[in-house]
Amino acid sequence: MKTRLRWKMAEREKGLRAIGAGPRGHYLHDGKITYVTINALGGDWREPLRGFYWYGTLDGNYVNTCDNPIPLDECKKKALAWVKEILAKRKVKYSTPGPWLVLARHKHFHSRRIWGEGGFIASVGGSDDTEETQDANAAIISAAPELYAALETLVLELDCGVSEDDFPTEVYEAARAAIKKARRIA
C-alpha cells in the first residue's frame, strides 16, 4: 500500500479562543499517522510572530525546534527532510551489498558468474542459453542493488509529495544509471 505524506493546516480556534488567536499550525500525515507538527511561536495577542517551529517523534527519534523559530516554508522543508531521512533508514538492506559484478567468462564454465562484496552471488546460464542471453541476464541481475536503491528512493520522494518541478535530478540520474547498467549500455 502506498503511503502519501501531505501537509494539513490545523483547524481554526473556536469560541473565545478564536479571539486574538495566532497563525494556525500545520501537520504532516499520511491519513493515519501524524509525523510532525508545526506551530507558530508568538503571533497571538500577547506577542508578535517570531517564526515557526516543528516537533515530532518517529522510530524512537524526537525533535523539537522551538528554540530556533524560522519561516513557515523553511520549517516545512526541514521537517519533511527529517521525516524522509528517518523513513529512508527503514529501507531493506541487501545481505550482499552492491555493486555486483559480472566476471569474465572462464574457459571451464559455460555460464556467467556474478560476484559481490561478500563473494559469489549467482551463476547465470545453462546449456540451452546462448552467450548473448547469458550476458543479458547477468547484466540485469548485477544491476539489482542499484535498481532497488534508485527505485526505492524514487518511491520515497514521490510518497513524500514531491512535485514534478521539485523532483531531484540526482534521483532521476541514479535511476537512469541503474537502467543503463541493466541494459549493458556504456
Protein backbone atom coordinates (compact mmCIF):
# COMPACT_ATOMS: atom_id res chain seq x y z
CA MET A 1 0.00 0.00 0.00
CA LYS A 2 1.34 3.41 -0.96
CA THR A 3 1.92 5.96 1.78
CA ARG A 4 1.30 9.51 0.63
CA LEU A 5 2.53 12.21 3.01
CA ARG A 6 0.75 15.54 2.92
CA TRP A 7 0.54 18.75 4.89
CA LYS A 8 -2.70 19.81 6.52
CA MET A 9 -3.49 23.06 8.27
CA ALA A 10 -4.72 22.80 11.85
CA GLU A 11 -8.34 23.67 12.48
CA ARG A 12 -9.29 27.20 13.47
CA GLU A 13 -9.79 28.01 17.11
CA LYS A 14 -13.43 28.24 18.14
CA GLY A 15 -15.32 30.34 20.63
CA LEU A 16 -13.40 32.71 22.86
CA ARG A 17 -10.09 31.03 21.93
CA ALA A 18 -10.50 32.40 18.39
CA ILE A 19 -10.23 35.97 19.67
CA GLY A 20 -6.63 37.00 19.31
CA ALA A 21 -5.50 33.56 18.09
CA GLY A 22 -2.22 33.46 16.22
CA PRO A 23 -1.44 31.74 12.92
CA ARG A 24 -2.67 28.17 12.60
CA GLY A 25 -0.20 25.34 12.69
CA HIS A 26 0.31 22.52 10.19
CA TYR A 27 0.93 18.82 10.45
CA LEU A 28 2.44 16.22 8.14
CA HIS A 29 0.45 13.00 8.00
CA ASP A 30 -0.38 10.01 5.82
CA GLY A 31 -4.05 9.72 6.81
CA LYS A 32 -3.31 7.51 9.82
CA ILE A 33 -0.10 8.77 11.42
CA THR A 34 0.95 12.34 12.17
CA TYR A 35 4.71 12.53 11.64
CA VAL A 36 5.45 16.16 12.58
CA THR A 37 3.55 19.20 13.79
CA ILE A 38 4.39 22.84 13.02
CA ASN A 39 3.30 25.63 15.34
CA ALA A 40 3.73 29.39 15.38
CA LEU A 41 5.94 30.94 18.02
CA GLY A 42 4.11 34.08 19.04
CA GLY A 43 1.76 35.89 16.68
CA ASP A 44 -1.19 35.99 19.01
CA TRP A 45 -2.49 38.89 21.09
CA ARG A 46 0.39 38.53 23.57
CA GLU A 47 3.43 38.88 21.30
CA PRO A 48 4.49 39.35 17.69
CA LEU A 49 5.15 36.35 15.45
CA ARG A 50 8.76 35.21 15.89
CA GLY A 51 8.53 32.36 13.39
CA PHE A 52 7.54 28.70 13.31
CA TYR A 53 8.94 25.58 14.89
CA TRP A 54 8.28 21.87 14.40
CA TYR A 55 8.38 18.76 16.52
CA GLY A 56 7.85 15.07 16.00
CA THR A 57 8.61 11.55 17.17
CA LEU A 58 9.35 8.80 14.67
CA ASP A 59 11.03 5.41 15.21
CA GLY A 60 12.36 6.48 18.61
CA ASN A 61 13.76 9.79 17.31
CA TYR A 62 12.43 13.03 18.81
CA VAL A 63 12.97 16.56 17.52
CA ASN A 64 11.68 19.88 18.83
CA THR A 65 12.94 23.08 17.19
CA CYS A 66 11.12 25.61 19.41
CA ASP A 67 14.46 27.22 20.34
CA ASN A 68 15.07 28.15 16.70
CA PRO A 69 11.97 29.72 15.04
CA ILE A 70 12.18 30.01 11.25
CA PRO A 71 9.83 31.00 8.37
CA LEU A 72 6.99 28.56 7.62
CA ASP A 73 8.28 27.37 4.21
CA GLU A 74 11.73 26.63 5.61
CA CYS A 75 10.15 24.89 8.59
CA LYS A 76 8.12 22.61 6.28
CA LYS A 77 11.21 21.75 4.21
CA LYS A 78 13.31 20.87 7.26
CA ALA A 79 10.55 18.81 8.86
CA LEU A 80 9.90 16.90 5.61
CA ALA A 81 13.65 16.26 5.18
CA TRP A 82 13.80 14.83 8.72
CA VAL A 83 10.84 12.51 8.09
CA LYS A 84 12.34 11.35 4.77
CA GLU A 85 15.68 10.66 6.48
CA ILE A 86 14.02 8.54 9.17
CA LEU A 87 11.85 6.69 6.65
CA ALA A 88 14.89 6.03 4.46
CA LYS A 89 16.53 4.18 7.36
CA ARG A 90 13.69 1.68 7.15
CA LYS A 91 14.97 0.50 3.76
CA VAL A 92 15.64 -3.19 3.31
CA LYS A 93 19.36 -3.94 3.34
CA TYR A 94 20.88 -6.45 0.97
CA SER A 95 22.59 -9.41 2.56
CA THR A 96 25.31 -8.90 -0.04
CA PRO A 97 25.80 -5.18 -0.66
CA GLY A 98 26.36 -3.83 -4.18
CA PRO A 99 27.89 -3.31 -6.52
CA TRP A 100 27.54 -6.74 -8.03
CA LEU A 101 29.94 -7.52 -10.87
CA VAL A 102 29.72 -9.91 -13.81
CA LEU A 103 33.05 -11.67 -14.16
CA ALA A 104 34.59 -12.55 -17.49
CA ARG A 105 33.61 -15.99 -18.78
CA HIS A 106 36.00 -18.68 -17.54
CA LYS A 107 37.12 -21.31 -20.03
CA HIS A 108 35.82 -24.15 -17.81
CA PHE A 109 32.37 -22.65 -17.19
CA HIS A 110 29.52 -22.26 -19.67
CA SER A 111 27.73 -19.68 -17.56
CA ARG A 112 28.22 -16.14 -16.33
CA ARG A 113 29.08 -15.66 -12.66
CA ILE A 114 28.06 -12.67 -10.58
CA TRP A 115 30.09 -11.62 -7.56
CA GLY A 116 29.51 -9.06 -4.82
CA GLU A 117 31.42 -7.68 -1.87
CA GLY A 118 30.60 -10.78 0.17
CA GLY A 119 31.50 -13.28 -2.55
CA PHE A 120 29.59 -15.35 -5.08
CA ILE A 121 26.02 -14.20 -5.83
CA ALA A 122 24.75 -16.24 -8.76
CA SER A 123 25.53 -18.28 -11.83
CA VAL A 124 23.54 -17.40 -14.94
CA GLY A 125 23.01 -19.65 -17.90
CA GLY A 126 22.63 -23.22 -18.90
CA SER A 127 23.44 -25.48 -21.79
CA ASP A 128 20.45 -24.17 -23.82
CA ASP A 129 21.19 -20.45 -23.32
CA THR A 130 23.20 -18.52 -25.86
CA GLU A 131 26.11 -16.39 -24.65
CA GLU A 132 24.10 -13.29 -25.57
CA THR A 133 21.17 -14.42 -23.39
CA GLN A 134 23.51 -15.25 -20.51
CA ASP A 135 25.19 -11.84 -20.79
CA ALA A 136 21.83 -10.01 -20.82
CA ASN A 137 20.52 -11.95 -17.82
CA ALA A 138 23.76 -11.46 -15.89
CA ALA A 139 23.70 -7.71 -16.61
CA ILE A 140 20.21 -7.19 -15.23
CA ILE A 141 20.88 -9.35 -12.16
CA SER A 142 24.11 -7.48 -11.43
CA ALA A 143 22.20 -4.18 -11.59
CA ALA A 144 19.74 -5.33 -8.88
CA PRO A 145 21.26 -3.37 -5.94
CA GLU A 146 21.40 -0.11 -7.94
CA LEU A 147 17.93 -0.61 -9.41
CA TYR A 148 16.49 -1.35 -6.00
CA ALA A 149 18.14 1.64 -4.31
CA ALA A 150 17.19 4.06 -7.11
CA LEU A 151 13.59 2.91 -7.28
CA GLU A 152 13.19 2.85 -3.51
CA THR A 153 14.47 6.44 -3.32
CA LEU A 154 12.21 7.43 -6.20
CA VAL A 155 9.18 5.96 -4.45
CA LEU A 156 10.12 7.63 -1.15
CA GLU A 157 10.43 11.01 -2.91
CA LEU A 158 7.09 10.62 -4.64
CA ASP A 159 5.40 9.32 -1.50
CA CYS A 160 6.58 12.39 0.38
CA GLY A 161 4.67 14.61 -2.04
CA VAL A 162 7.48 15.89 -4.26
CA SER A 163 6.04 17.59 -7.33
CA GLU A 164 7.47 17.04 -10.79
CA ASP A 165 9.00 20.54 -10.70
CA ASP A 166 10.77 19.78 -7.41
CA PHE A 167 11.86 16.25 -8.32
CA PRO A 168 15.58 15.82 -7.53
CA THR A 169 17.77 15.40 -10.61
CA GLU A 170 20.21 13.11 -8.76
CA VAL A 171 17.44 10.56 -8.12
CA TYR A 172 16.46 10.62 -11.78
CA GLU A 173 20.10 10.21 -12.83
CA ALA A 174 20.61 7.30 -10.39
CA ALA A 175 17.59 5.53 -11.87
CA ARG A 176 18.90 6.17 -15.40
CA ALA A 177 22.37 4.84 -14.47
CA ALA A 178 20.91 1.64 -12.97
CA ILE A 179 18.77 1.05 -16.04
CA LYS A 180 21.79 1.73 -18.26
CA LYS A 181 23.80 -0.90 -16.37
CA ALA A 182 20.98 -3.43 -16.67
CA ARG A 183 20.86 -2.82 -20.42
CA ARG A 184 24.67 -3.07 -20.71
CA ILE A 185 24.92 0.41 -22.25
CA ALA A 186 28.27 2.12 -21.72
